[in-house]
Amino acid sequence: DENYILTQKWKASNMKSKSSFLRHLI
């Protein structure tokens, strides 16, 4: 479930990678 939520939020952000998305969140 957590991975699904992360993936959905990452896709909605239109960022290139999950890594850049997570760095932005941090």
mmCIF file of all heavy atoms, coordinates in Angstrom:
data_MODEL
# 
_entry.id   MODEL 
# 
loop_
_atom_site.group_PDB 
_atom_site.id 
_atom_site.type_symbol 
_atom_site.label_atom_id 
_atom_site.label_alt_id 
_atom_site.label_comp_id 
_atom_site.label_asym_id 
_atom_site.label_entity_id 
_atom_site.label_seq_id 
_atom_site.pdbx_PDB_ins_code 
_atom_site.Cartn_x 
_atom_site.Cartn_y 
_atom_site.Cartn_z 
_atom_site.occupancy 
_atom_site.B_iso_or_equiv 
_atom_site.pdbx_formal_charge 
_atom_site.auth_seq_id 
_atom_site.auth_comp_id 
_atom_site.auth_asym_id 
_atom_site.auth_atom_id 
_atom_site.pdbx_PDB_model_num 
ATOM 1   N N   . ASP A 1 1  ? 0.830  -1.211 0.000   1.00 0.00 ? 1  ASP A N   1 
ATOM 2   C CA  . ASP A 1 1  ? 0.000  0.000  0.000   1.00 0.00 ? 1  ASP A CA  1 
ATOM 3   C C   . ASP A 1 1  ? 0.862  1.259  0.000   1.00 0.00 ? 1  ASP A C   1 
ATOM 4   O O   . ASP A 1 1  ? 0.583  2.214  -0.734  1.00 0.00 ? 1  ASP A O   1 
ATOM 5   C CB  . ASP A 1 1  ? -0.934 0.023  1.210   1.00 0.00 ? 1  ASP A CB  1 
ATOM 6   C CG  . ASP A 1 1  ? -2.017 -1.036 1.122   1.00 0.00 ? 1  ASP A CG  1 
ATOM 7   O OD1 . ASP A 1 1  ? -2.291 -1.528 0.008   1.00 0.00 ? 1  ASP A OD1 1 
ATOM 8   O OD2 . ASP A 1 1  ? -2.594 -1.368 2.177   1.00 0.00 ? 1  ASP A OD2 1 
ATOM 9   N N   . GLU A 1 2  ? 1.899  1.269  0.826   1.00 0.00 ? 2  GLU A N   1 
ATOM 10  C CA  . GLU A 1 2  ? 2.784  2.436  0.885   1.00 0.00 ? 2  GLU A CA  1 
ATOM 11  C C   . GLU A 1 2  ? 3.483  2.664  -0.449  1.00 0.00 ? 2  GLU A C   1 
ATOM 12  O O   . GLU A 1 2  ? 3.615  3.801  -0.914  1.00 0.00 ? 2  GLU A O   1 
ATOM 13  C CB  . GLU A 1 2  ? 3.813  2.258  1.999   1.00 0.00 ? 2  GLU A CB  1 
ATOM 14  C CG  . GLU A 1 2  ? 3.226  2.313  3.391   1.00 0.00 ? 2  GLU A CG  1 
ATOM 15  C CD  . GLU A 1 2  ? 4.174  1.815  4.460   1.00 0.00 ? 2  GLU A CD  1 
ATOM 16  O OE1 . GLU A 1 2  ? 5.114  1.046  4.152   1.00 0.00 ? 2  GLU A OE1 1 
ATOM 17  O OE2 . GLU A 1 2  ? 3.976  2.208  5.626   1.00 0.00 ? 2  GLU A OE2 1 
ATOM 18  N N   . ASN A 1 3  ? 3.925  1.565  -1.075  1.00 0.00 ? 3  ASN A N   1 
ATOM 19  C CA  . ASN A 1 3  ? 4.588  1.678  -2.373  1.00 0.00 ? 3  ASN A CA  1 
ATOM 20  C C   . ASN A 1 3  ? 3.615  2.202  -3.431  1.00 0.00 ? 3  ASN A C   1 
ATOM 21  O O   . ASN A 1 3  ? 3.981  3.025  -4.264  1.00 0.00 ? 3  ASN A O   1 
ATOM 22  C CB  . ASN A 1 3  ? 5.174  0.332  -2.798  1.00 0.00 ? 3  ASN A CB  1 
ATOM 23  C CG  . ASN A 1 3  ? 6.004  0.475  -4.050  1.00 0.00 ? 3  ASN A CG  1 
ATOM 24  O OD1 . ASN A 1 3  ? 6.886  1.324  -4.120  1.00 0.00 ? 3  ASN A OD1 1 
ATOM 25  N ND2 . ASN A 1 3  ? 5.712  -0.343 -5.047  1.00 0.00 ? 3  ASN A ND2 1 
ATOM 26  N N   . TYR A 1 4  ? 2.371  1.750  -3.380  1.00 0.00 ? 4  TYR A N   1 
ATOM 27  C CA  . TYR A 1 4  ? 1.360  2.223  -4.324  1.00 0.00 ? 4  TYR A CA  1 
ATOM 28  C C   . TYR A 1 4  ? 1.134  3.728  -4.157  1.00 0.00 ? 4  TYR A C   1 
ATOM 29  O O   . TYR A 1 4  ? 1.099  4.474  -5.134  1.00 0.00 ? 4  TYR A O   1 
ATOM 30  C CB  . TYR A 1 4  ? 0.049  1.455  -4.119  1.00 0.00 ? 4  TYR A CB  1 
ATOM 31  C CG  . TYR A 1 4  ? -1.078 1.964  -4.984  1.00 0.00 ? 4  TYR A CG  1 
ATOM 32  C CD1 . TYR A 1 4  ? -1.152 1.604  -6.323  1.00 0.00 ? 4  TYR A CD1 1 
ATOM 33  C CD2 . TYR A 1 4  ? -2.036 2.822  -4.469  1.00 0.00 ? 4  TYR A CD2 1 
ATOM 34  C CE1 . TYR A 1 4  ? -2.173 2.083  -7.133  1.00 0.00 ? 4  TYR A CE1 1 
ATOM 35  C CE2 . TYR A 1 4  ? -3.065 3.306  -5.263  1.00 0.00 ? 4  TYR A CE2 1 
ATOM 36  C CZ  . TYR A 1 4  ? -3.134 2.926  -6.594  1.00 0.00 ? 4  TYR A CZ  1 
ATOM 37  O OH  . TYR A 1 4  ? -4.135 3.405  -7.392  1.00 0.00 ? 4  TYR A OH  1 
ATOM 38  N N   . ILE A 1 5  ? 1.002  4.163  -2.909  1.00 0.00 ? 5  ILE A N   1 
ATOM 39  C CA  . ILE A 1 5  ? 0.792  5.594  -2.629  1.00 0.00 ? 5  ILE A CA  1 
ATOM 40  C C   . ILE A 1 5  ? 1.992  6.407  -3.108  1.00 0.00 ? 5  ILE A C   1 
ATOM 41  O O   . ILE A 1 5  ? 1.827  7.451  -3.749  1.00 0.00 ? 5  ILE A O   1 
ATOM 42  C CB  . ILE A 1 5  ? 0.526  5.817  -1.128  1.00 0.00 ? 5  ILE A CB  1 
ATOM 43  C CG1 . ILE A 1 5  ? -0.822 5.217  -0.746  1.00 0.00 ? 5  ILE A CG1 1 
ATOM 44  C CG2 . ILE A 1 5  ? 0.569  7.301  -0.783  1.00 0.00 ? 5  ILE A CG2 1 
ATOM 45  C CD1 . ILE A 1 5  ? -1.062 5.123  0.743   1.00 0.00 ? 5  ILE A CD1 1 
ATOM 46  N N   . LEU A 1 6  ? 3.200  5.926  -2.805  1.00 0.00 ? 6  LEU A N   1 
ATOM 47  C CA  . LEU A 1 6  ? 4.408  6.618  -3.254  1.00 0.00 ? 6  LEU A CA  1 
ATOM 48  C C   . LEU A 1 6  ? 4.427  6.731  -4.776  1.00 0.00 ? 6  LEU A C   1 
ATOM 49  O O   . LEU A 1 6  ? 4.684  7.800  -5.329  1.00 0.00 ? 6  LEU A O   1 
ATOM 50  C CB  . LEU A 1 6  ? 5.661  5.891  -2.758  1.00 0.00 ? 6  LEU A CB  1 
ATOM 51  C CG  . LEU A 1 6  ? 6.995  6.404  -3.323  1.00 0.00 ? 6  LEU A CG  1 
ATOM 52  C CD1 . LEU A 1 6  ? 7.231  7.860  -2.942  1.00 0.00 ? 6  LEU A CD1 1 
ATOM 53  C CD2 . LEU A 1 6  ? 8.127  5.520  -2.862  1.00 0.00 ? 6  LEU A CD2 1 
ATOM 54  N N   . THR A 1 7  ? 4.125  5.653  -5.449  1.00 0.00 ? 7  THR A N   1 
ATOM 55  C CA  . THR A 1 7  ? 4.150  5.652  -6.912  1.00 0.00 ? 7  THR A CA  1 
ATOM 56  C C   . THR A 1 7  ? 3.112  6.616  -7.482  1.00 0.00 ? 7  THR A C   1 
ATOM 57  O O   . THR A 1 7  ? 3.401  7.367  -8.419  1.00 0.00 ? 7  THR A O   1 
ATOM 58  C CB  . THR A 1 7  ? 3.907  4.226  -7.443  1.00 0.00 ? 7  THR A CB  1 
ATOM 59  O OG1 . THR A 1 7  ? 4.918  3.366  -6.909  1.00 0.00 ? 7  THR A OG1 1 
ATOM 60  C CG2 . THR A 1 7  ? 3.952  4.183  -8.959  1.00 0.00 ? 7  THR A CG2 1 
ATOM 61  N N   . GLN A 1 8  ? 1.915  6.619  -6.906  1.00 0.00 ? 8  GLN A N   1 
ATOM 62  C CA  . GLN A 1 8  ? 0.869  7.522  -7.394  1.00 0.00 ? 8  GLN A CA  1 
ATOM 63  C C   . GLN A 1 8  ? 1.263  8.982  -7.186  1.00 0.00 ? 8  GLN A C   1 
ATOM 64  O O   . GLN A 1 8  ? 1.067  9.822  -8.066  1.00 0.00 ? 8  GLN A O   1 
ATOM 65  C CB  . GLN A 1 8  ? -0.466 7.229  -6.697  1.00 0.00 ? 8  GLN A CB  1 
ATOM 66  C CG  . GLN A 1 8  ? -1.040 5.866  -7.028  1.00 0.00 ? 8  GLN A CG  1 
ATOM 67  C CD  . GLN A 1 8  ? -1.192 5.642  -8.522  1.00 0.00 ? 8  GLN A CD  1 
ATOM 68  O OE1 . GLN A 1 8  ? -1.766 6.454  -9.215  1.00 0.00 ? 8  GLN A OE1 1 
ATOM 69  N NE2 . GLN A 1 8  ? -0.635 4.545  -9.008  1.00 0.00 ? 8  GLN A NE2 1 
ATOM 70  N N   . LYS A 1 9  ? 1.812  9.293  -6.032  1.00 0.00 ? 9  LYS A N   1 
ATOM 71  C CA  . LYS A 1 9  ? 2.229  10.672 -5.755  1.00 0.00 ? 9  LYS A CA  1 
ATOM 72  C C   . LYS A 1 9  ? 3.398  11.077 -6.651  1.00 0.00 ? 9  LYS A C   1 
ATOM 73  O O   . LYS A 1 9  ? 3.469  12.215 -7.122  1.00 0.00 ? 9  LYS A O   1 
ATOM 74  C CB  . LYS A 1 9  ? 2.587  10.847 -4.279  1.00 0.00 ? 9  LYS A CB  1 
ATOM 75  C CG  . LYS A 1 9  ? 1.364  10.818 -3.388  1.00 0.00 ? 9  LYS A CG  1 
ATOM 76  C CD  . LYS A 1 9  ? 1.710  11.111 -1.953  1.00 0.00 ? 9  LYS A CD  1 
ATOM 77  C CE  . LYS A 1 9  ? 0.448  11.162 -1.106  1.00 0.00 ? 9  LYS A CE  1 
ATOM 78  N NZ  . LYS A 1 9  ? 0.706  11.609 0.249   1.00 0.00 ? 9  LYS A NZ  1 
ATOM 79  N N   . TRP A 1 10 ? 4.308  10.150 -6.881  1.00 0.00 ? 10 TRP A N   1 
ATOM 80  C CA  . TRP A 1 10 ? 5.438  10.438 -7.760  1.00 0.00 ? 10 TRP A CA  1 
ATOM 81  C C   . TRP A 1 10 ? 4.941  10.714 -9.181  1.00 0.00 ? 10 TRP A C   1 
ATOM 82  O O   . TRP A 1 10 ? 5.345  11.695 -9.808  1.00 0.00 ? 10 TRP A O   1 
ATOM 83  C CB  . TRP A 1 10 ? 6.427  9.272  -7.739  1.00 0.00 ? 10 TRP A CB  1 
ATOM 84  C CG  . TRP A 1 10 ? 7.409  9.292  -8.874  1.00 0.00 ? 10 TRP A CG  1 
ATOM 85  C CD1 . TRP A 1 10 ? 8.269  10.301 -9.182  1.00 0.00 ? 10 TRP A CD1 1 
ATOM 86  C CD2 . TRP A 1 10 ? 7.617  8.276  -9.843  1.00 0.00 ? 10 TRP A CD2 1 
ATOM 87  N NE1 . TRP A 1 10 ? 9.012  9.965  -10.288 1.00 0.00 ? 10 TRP A NE1 1 
ATOM 88  C CE2 . TRP A 1 10 ? 8.624  8.727  -10.716 1.00 0.00 ? 10 TRP A CE2 1 
ATOM 89  C CE3 . TRP A 1 10 ? 7.058  7.029  -10.053 1.00 0.00 ? 10 TRP A CE3 1 
ATOM 90  C CZ2 . TRP A 1 10 ? 9.078  7.959  -11.793 1.00 0.00 ? 10 TRP A CZ2 1 
ATOM 91  C CZ3 . TRP A 1 10 ? 7.512  6.261  -11.112 1.00 0.00 ? 10 TRP A CZ3 1 
ATOM 92  C CH2 . TRP A 1 10 ? 8.512  6.739  -11.970 1.00 0.00 ? 10 TRP A CH2 1 
ATOM 93  N N   . LYS A 1 11 ? 4.032  9.872  -9.692  1.00 0.00 ? 11 LYS A N   1 
ATOM 94  C CA  . LYS A 1 11 ? 3.503  10.066 -11.048 1.00 0.00 ? 11 LYS A CA  1 
ATOM 95  C C   . LYS A 1 11 ? 2.764  11.397 -11.158 1.00 0.00 ? 11 LYS A C   1 
ATOM 96  O O   . LYS A 1 11 ? 2.872  12.098 -12.164 1.00 0.00 ? 11 LYS A O   1 
ATOM 97  C CB  . LYS A 1 11 ? 2.571  8.915  -11.422 1.00 0.00 ? 11 LYS A CB  1 
ATOM 98  C CG  . LYS A 1 11 ? 3.312  7.626  -11.721 1.00 0.00 ? 11 LYS A CG  1 
ATOM 99  C CD  . LYS A 1 11 ? 2.346  6.515  -12.072 1.00 0.00 ? 11 LYS A CD  1 
ATOM 100 C CE  . LYS A 1 11 ? 3.081  5.219  -12.346 1.00 0.00 ? 11 LYS A CE  1 
ATOM 101 N NZ  . LYS A 1 11 ? 2.161  4.110  -12.629 1.00 0.00 ? 11 LYS A NZ  1 
ATOM 102 N N   . ALA A 1 12 ? 2.015  11.746 -10.107 1.00 0.00 ? 12 ALA A N   1 
ATOM 103 C CA  . ALA A 1 12 ? 1.266  13.010 -10.121 1.00 0.00 ? 12 ALA A CA  1 
ATOM 104 C C   . ALA A 1 12 ? 2.194  14.216 -10.107 1.00 0.00 ? 12 ALA A C   1 
ATOM 105 O O   . ALA A 1 12 ? 1.821  15.301 -10.570 1.00 0.00 ? 12 ALA A O   1 
ATOM 106 C CB  . ALA A 1 12 ? 0.313  13.066 -8.929  1.00 0.00 ? 12 ALA A CB  1 
ATOM 107 N N   . SER A 1 13 ? 3.400  14.042 -9.599  1.00 0.00 ? 13 SER A N   1 
ATOM 108 C CA  . SER A 1 13 ? 4.337  15.163 -9.508  1.00 0.00 ? 13 SER A CA  1 
ATOM 109 C C   . SER A 1 13 ? 5.003  15.477 -10.841 1.00 0.00 ? 13 SER A C   1 
ATOM 110 O O   . SER A 1 13 ? 5.585  16.537 -11.002 1.00 0.00 ? 13 SER A O   1 
ATOM 111 C CB  . SER A 1 13 ? 5.417  14.852 -8.470  1.00 0.00 ? 13 SER A CB  1 
ATOM 112 O OG  . SER A 1 13 ? 6.339  13.903 -8.996  1.00 0.00 ? 13 SER A OG  1 
ATOM 113 N N   . ASN A 1 14 ? 4.956  14.553 -11.786 1.00 0.00 ? 14 ASN A N   1 
ATOM 114 C CA  . ASN A 1 14 ? 5.614  14.705 -13.092 1.00 0.00 ? 14 ASN A CA  1 
ATOM 115 C C   . ASN A 1 14 ? 7.129  14.868 -12.977 1.00 0.00 ? 14 ASN A C   1 
ATOM 116 O O   . ASN A 1 14 ? 7.761  15.433 -13.865 1.00 0.00 ? 14 ASN A O   1 
ATOM 117 C CB  . ASN A 1 14 ? 5.022  15.880 -13.885 1.00 0.00 ? 14 ASN A CB  1 
ATOM 118 C CG  . ASN A 1 14 ? 3.607  15.602 -14.314 1.00 0.00 ? 14 ASN A CG  1 
ATOM 119 O OD1 . ASN A 1 14 ? 3.268  14.484 -14.680 1.00 0.00 ? 14 ASN A OD1 1 
ATOM 120 N ND2 . ASN A 1 14 ? 2.770  16.614 -14.261 1.00 0.00 ? 14 ASN A ND2 1 
ATOM 121 N N   . MET A 1 15 ? 7.698  14.381 -11.895 1.00 0.00 ? 15 MET A N   1 
ATOM 122 C CA  . MET A 1 15 ? 9.158  14.418 -11.750 1.00 0.00 ? 15 MET A CA  1 
ATOM 123 C C   . MET A 1 15 ? 9.736  13.227 -12.511 1.00 0.00 ? 15 MET A C   1 
ATOM 124 O O   . MET A 1 15 ? 9.070  12.213 -12.713 1.00 0.00 ? 15 MET A O   1 
ATOM 125 C CB  . MET A 1 15 ? 9.560  14.391 -10.289 1.00 0.00 ? 15 MET A CB  1 
ATOM 126 C CG  . MET A 1 15 ? 9.120  15.636 -9.548  1.00 0.00 ? 15 MET A CG  1 
ATOM 127 S SD  . MET A 1 15 ? 9.717  15.667 -7.869  1.00 0.00 ? 15 MET A SD  1 
ATOM 128 C CE  . MET A 1 15 ? 10.786 17.065 -7.953  1.00 0.00 ? 15 MET A CE  1 
ATOM 129 N N   . LYS A 1 16 ? 11.017 13.359 -12.903 1.00 0.00 ? 16 LYS A N   1 
ATOM 130 C CA  . LYS A 1 16 ? 11.645 12.345 -13.747 1.00 0.00 ? 16 LYS A CA  1 
ATOM 131 C C   . LYS A 1 16 ? 11.850 11.013 -13.038 1.00 0.00 ? 16 LYS A C   1 
ATOM 132 O O   . LYS A 1 16 ? 11.728 9.956  -13.642 1.00 0.00 ? 16 LYS A O   1 
ATOM 133 C CB  . LYS A 1 16 ? 12.980 12.851 -14.273 1.00 0.00 ? 16 LYS A CB  1 
ATOM 134 C CG  . LYS A 1 16 ? 12.844 13.988 -15.244 1.00 0.00 ? 16 LYS A CG  1 
ATOM 135 C CD  . LYS A 1 16 ? 14.201 14.431 -15.734 1.00 0.00 ? 16 LYS A CD  1 
ATOM 136 C CE  . LYS A 1 16 ? 14.054 15.615 -16.669 1.00 0.00 ? 16 LYS A CE  1 
ATOM 137 N NZ  . LYS A 1 16 ? 15.347 16.066 -17.172 1.00 0.00 ? 16 LYS A NZ  1 
ATOM 138 N N   . SER A 1 17 ? 12.190 11.063 -11.761 1.00 0.00 ? 17 SER A N   1 
ATOM 139 C CA  . SER A 1 17 ? 12.491 9.815  -11.059 1.00 0.00 ? 17 SER A CA  1 
ATOM 140 C C   . SER A 1 17 ? 11.942 9.851  -9.640  1.00 0.00 ? 17 SER A C   1 
ATOM 141 O O   . SER A 1 17 ? 11.700 10.919 -9.080  1.00 0.00 ? 17 SER A O   1 
ATOM 142 C CB  . SER A 1 17 ? 14.007 9.584  -11.013 1.00 0.00 ? 17 SER A CB  1 
ATOM 143 O OG  . SER A 1 17 ? 14.602 10.548 -10.167 1.00 0.00 ? 17 SER A OG  1 
ATOM 144 N N   . LYS A 1 18 ? 11.773 8.658  -9.085  1.00 0.00 ? 18 LYS A N   1 
ATOM 145 C CA  . LYS A 1 18 ? 11.347 8.575  -7.689  1.00 0.00 ? 18 LYS A CA  1 
ATOM 146 C C   . LYS A 1 18 ? 12.416 9.175  -6.779  1.00 0.00 ? 18 LYS A C   1 
ATOM 147 O O   . LYS A 1 18 ? 12.103 9.777  -5.759  1.00 0.00 ? 18 LYS A O   1 
ATOM 148 C CB  . LYS A 1 18 ? 11.074 7.128  -7.278  1.00 0.00 ? 18 LYS A CB  1 
ATOM 149 C CG  . LYS A 1 18 ? 9.721  6.617  -7.680  1.00 0.00 ? 18 LYS A CG  1 
ATOM 150 C CD  . LYS A 1 18 ? 9.470  5.245  -7.080  1.00 0.00 ? 18 LYS A CD  1 
ATOM 151 C CE  . LYS A 1 18 ? 8.178  4.666  -7.594  1.00 0.00 ? 18 LYS A CE  1 
ATOM 152 N NZ  . LYS A 1 18 ? 7.946  3.316  -7.084  1.00 0.00 ? 18 LYS A NZ  1 
ATOM 153 N N   . SER A 1 19 ? 13.674 9.000  -7.148  1.00 0.00 ? 19 SER A N   1 
ATOM 154 C CA  . SER A 1 19 ? 14.753 9.555  -6.328  1.00 0.00 ? 19 SER A CA  1 
ATOM 155 C C   . SER A 1 19 ? 14.642 11.061 -6.223  1.00 0.00 ? 19 SER A C   1 
ATOM 156 O O   . SER A 1 19 ? 14.755 11.631 -5.134  1.00 0.00 ? 19 SER A O   1 
ATOM 157 C CB  . SER A 1 19 ? 16.116 9.182  -6.916  1.00 0.00 ? 19 SER A CB  1 
ATOM 158 O OG  . SER A 1 19 ? 16.343 7.810  -6.765  1.00 0.00 ? 19 SER A OG  1 
ATOM 159 N N   . SER A 1 20 ? 14.414 11.729 -7.349  1.00 0.00 ? 20 SER A N   1 
ATOM 160 C CA  . SER A 1 20 ? 14.297 13.188 -7.302  1.00 0.00 ? 20 SER A CA  1 
ATOM 161 C C   . SER A 1 20 ? 13.041 13.599 -6.548  1.00 0.00 ? 20 SER A C   1 
ATOM 162 O O   . SER A 1 20 ? 13.039 14.592 -5.811  1.00 0.00 ? 20 SER A O   1 
ATOM 163 C CB  . SER A 1 20 ? 14.307 13.787 -8.706  1.00 0.00 ? 20 SER A CB  1 
ATOM 164 O OG  . SER A 1 20 ? 13.231 13.303 -9.471  1.00 0.00 ? 20 SER A OG  1 
ATOM 165 N N   . PHE A 1 21 ? 11.971 12.821 -6.687  1.00 0.00 ? 21 PHE A N   1 
ATOM 166 C CA  . PHE A 1 21 ? 10.738 13.097 -5.955  1.00 0.00 ? 21 PHE A CA  1 
ATOM 167 C C   . PHE A 1 21 ? 10.977 12.992 -4.447  1.00 0.00 ? 21 PHE A C   1 
ATOM 168 O O   . PHE A 1 21 ? 10.608 13.883 -3.681  1.00 0.00 ? 21 PHE A O   1 
ATOM 169 C CB  . PHE A 1 21 ? 9.640  12.121 -6.391  1.00 0.00 ? 21 PHE A CB  1 
ATOM 170 C CG  . PHE A 1 21 ? 8.362  12.248 -5.621  1.00 0.00 ? 21 PHE A CG  1 
ATOM 171 C CD1 . PHE A 1 21 ? 7.512  13.323 -5.817  1.00 0.00 ? 21 PHE A CD1 1 
ATOM 172 C CD2 . PHE A 1 21 ? 7.998  11.273 -4.702  1.00 0.00 ? 21 PHE A CD2 1 
ATOM 173 C CE1 . PHE A 1 21 ? 6.326  13.436 -5.105  1.00 0.00 ? 21 PHE A CE1 1 
ATOM 174 C CE2 . PHE A 1 21 ? 6.826  11.381 -3.994  1.00 0.00 ? 21 PHE A CE2 1 
ATOM 175 C CZ  . PHE A 1 21 ? 5.982  12.467 -4.194  1.00 0.00 ? 21 PHE A CZ  1 
ATOM 176 N N   . LEU A 1 22 ? 11.637 11.927 -4.013  1.00 0.00 ? 22 LEU A N   1 
ATOM 177 C CA  . LEU A 1 22 ? 11.914 11.732 -2.588  1.00 0.00 ? 22 LEU A CA  1 
ATOM 178 C C   . LEU A 1 22 ? 12.880 12.791 -2.058  1.00 0.00 ? 22 LEU A C   1 
ATOM 179 O O   . LEU A 1 22 ? 12.705 13.282 -0.937  1.00 0.00 ? 22 LEU A O   1 
ATOM 180 C CB  . LEU A 1 22 ? 12.460 10.330 -2.339  1.00 0.00 ? 22 LEU A CB  1 
ATOM 181 C CG  . LEU A 1 22 ? 11.430 9.214  -2.518  1.00 0.00 ? 22 LEU A CG  1 
ATOM 182 C CD1 . LEU A 1 22 ? 12.104 7.849  -2.505  1.00 0.00 ? 22 LEU A CD1 1 
ATOM 183 C CD2 . LEU A 1 22 ? 10.359 9.295  -1.457  1.00 0.00 ? 22 LEU A CD2 1 
ATOM 184 N N   . ARG A 1 23 ? 13.890 13.157 -2.852  1.00 0.00 ? 23 ARG A N   1 
ATOM 185 C CA  . ARG A 1 23 ? 14.797 14.232 -2.425  1.00 0.00 ? 23 ARG A CA  1 
ATOM 186 C C   . ARG A 1 23 ? 14.033 15.531 -2.225  1.00 0.00 ? 23 ARG A C   1 
ATOM 187 O O   . ARG A 1 23 ? 14.253 16.255 -1.249  1.00 0.00 ? 23 ARG A O   1 
ATOM 188 C CB  . ARG A 1 23 ? 15.917 14.431 -3.447  1.00 0.00 ? 23 ARG A CB  1 
ATOM 189 C CG  . ARG A 1 23 ? 17.114 13.547 -3.241  1.00 0.00 ? 23 ARG A CG  1 
ATOM 190 C CD  . ARG A 1 23 ? 18.301 13.991 -4.069  1.00 0.00 ? 23 ARG A CD  1 
ATOM 191 N NE  . ARG A 1 23 ? 18.004 14.119 -5.488  1.00 0.00 ? 23 ARG A NE  1 
ATOM 192 C CZ  . ARG A 1 23 ? 18.049 13.112 -6.361  1.00 0.00 ? 23 ARG A CZ  1 
ATOM 193 N NH1 . ARG A 1 23 ? 18.380 11.901 -5.953  1.00 0.00 ? 23 ARG A NH1 1 
ATOM 194 N NH2 . ARG A 1 23 ? 17.775 13.310 -7.622  1.00 0.00 ? 23 ARG A NH2 1 
ATOM 195 N N   . HIS A 1 24 ? 13.117 15.819 -3.137  1.00 0.00 ? 24 HIS A N   1 
ATOM 196 C CA  . HIS A 1 24 ? 12.312 17.039 -3.020  1.00 0.00 ? 24 HIS A CA  1 
ATOM 197 C C   . HIS A 1 24 ? 11.477 17.006 -1.740  1.00 0.00 ? 24 HIS A C   1 
ATOM 198 O O   . HIS A 1 24 ? 11.379 18.012 -1.028  1.00 0.00 ? 24 HIS A O   1 
ATOM 199 C CB  . HIS A 1 24 ? 11.415 17.195 -4.249  1.00 0.00 ? 24 HIS A CB  1 
ATOM 200 C CG  . HIS A 1 24 ? 10.636 18.473 -4.249  1.00 0.00 ? 24 HIS A CG  1 
ATOM 201 N ND1 . HIS A 1 24 ? 11.177 19.662 -4.671  1.00 0.00 ? 24 HIS A ND1 1 
ATOM 202 C CD2 . HIS A 1 24 ? 9.378  18.750 -3.861  1.00 0.00 ? 24 HIS A CD2 1 
ATOM 203 C CE1 . HIS A 1 24 ? 10.284 20.615 -4.546  1.00 0.00 ? 24 HIS A CE1 1 
ATOM 204 N NE2 . HIS A 1 24 ? 9.172  20.085 -4.061  1.00 0.00 ? 24 HIS A NE2 1 
ATOM 205 N N   . LEU A 1 25 ? 10.878 15.850 -1.439  1.00 0.00 ? 25 LEU A N   1 
ATOM 206 C CA  . LEU A 1 25 ? 10.102 15.729 -0.206  1.00 0.00 ? 25 LEU A CA  1 
ATOM 207 C C   . LEU A 1 25 ? 10.982 15.925 1.025   1.00 0.00 ? 25 LEU A C   1 
ATOM 208 O O   . LEU A 1 25 ? 10.586 16.582 1.986   1.00 0.00 ? 25 LEU A O   1 
ATOM 209 C CB  . LEU A 1 25 ? 9.417  14.360 -0.128  1.00 0.00 ? 25 LEU A CB  1 
ATOM 210 C CG  . LEU A 1 25 ? 8.192  14.162 -0.996  1.00 0.00 ? 25 LEU A CG  1 
ATOM 211 C CD1 . LEU A 1 25 ? 7.684  12.733 -0.856  1.00 0.00 ? 25 LEU A CD1 1 
ATOM 212 C CD2 . LEU A 1 25 ? 7.101  15.132 -0.619  1.00 0.00 ? 25 LEU A CD2 1 
ATOM 213 N N   . ILE A 1 26 ? 12.178 15.364 0.994   1.00 0.00 ? 26 ILE A N   1 
ATOM 214 C CA  . ILE A 1 26 ? 13.084 15.495 2.139   1.00 0.00 ? 26 ILE A CA  1 
ATOM 215 C C   . ILE A 1 26 ? 13.487 16.954 2.334   1.00 0.00 ? 26 ILE A C   1 
ATOM 216 O O   . ILE A 1 26 ? 13.504 17.463 3.452   1.00 0.00 ? 26 ILE A O   1 
ATOM 217 C CB  . ILE A 1 26 ? 14.330 14.601 1.946   1.00 0.00 ? 26 ILE A CB  1 
ATOM 218 C CG1 . ILE A 1 26 ? 13.935 13.128 2.063   1.00 0.00 ? 26 ILE A CG1 1 
ATOM 219 C CG2 . ILE A 1 26 ? 15.423 14.949 2.945   1.00 0.00 ? 26 ILE A CG2 1 
ATOM 220 C CD1 . ILE A 1 26 ? 15.004 12.166 1.593   1.00 0.00 ? 26 ILE A CD1 1 
# 
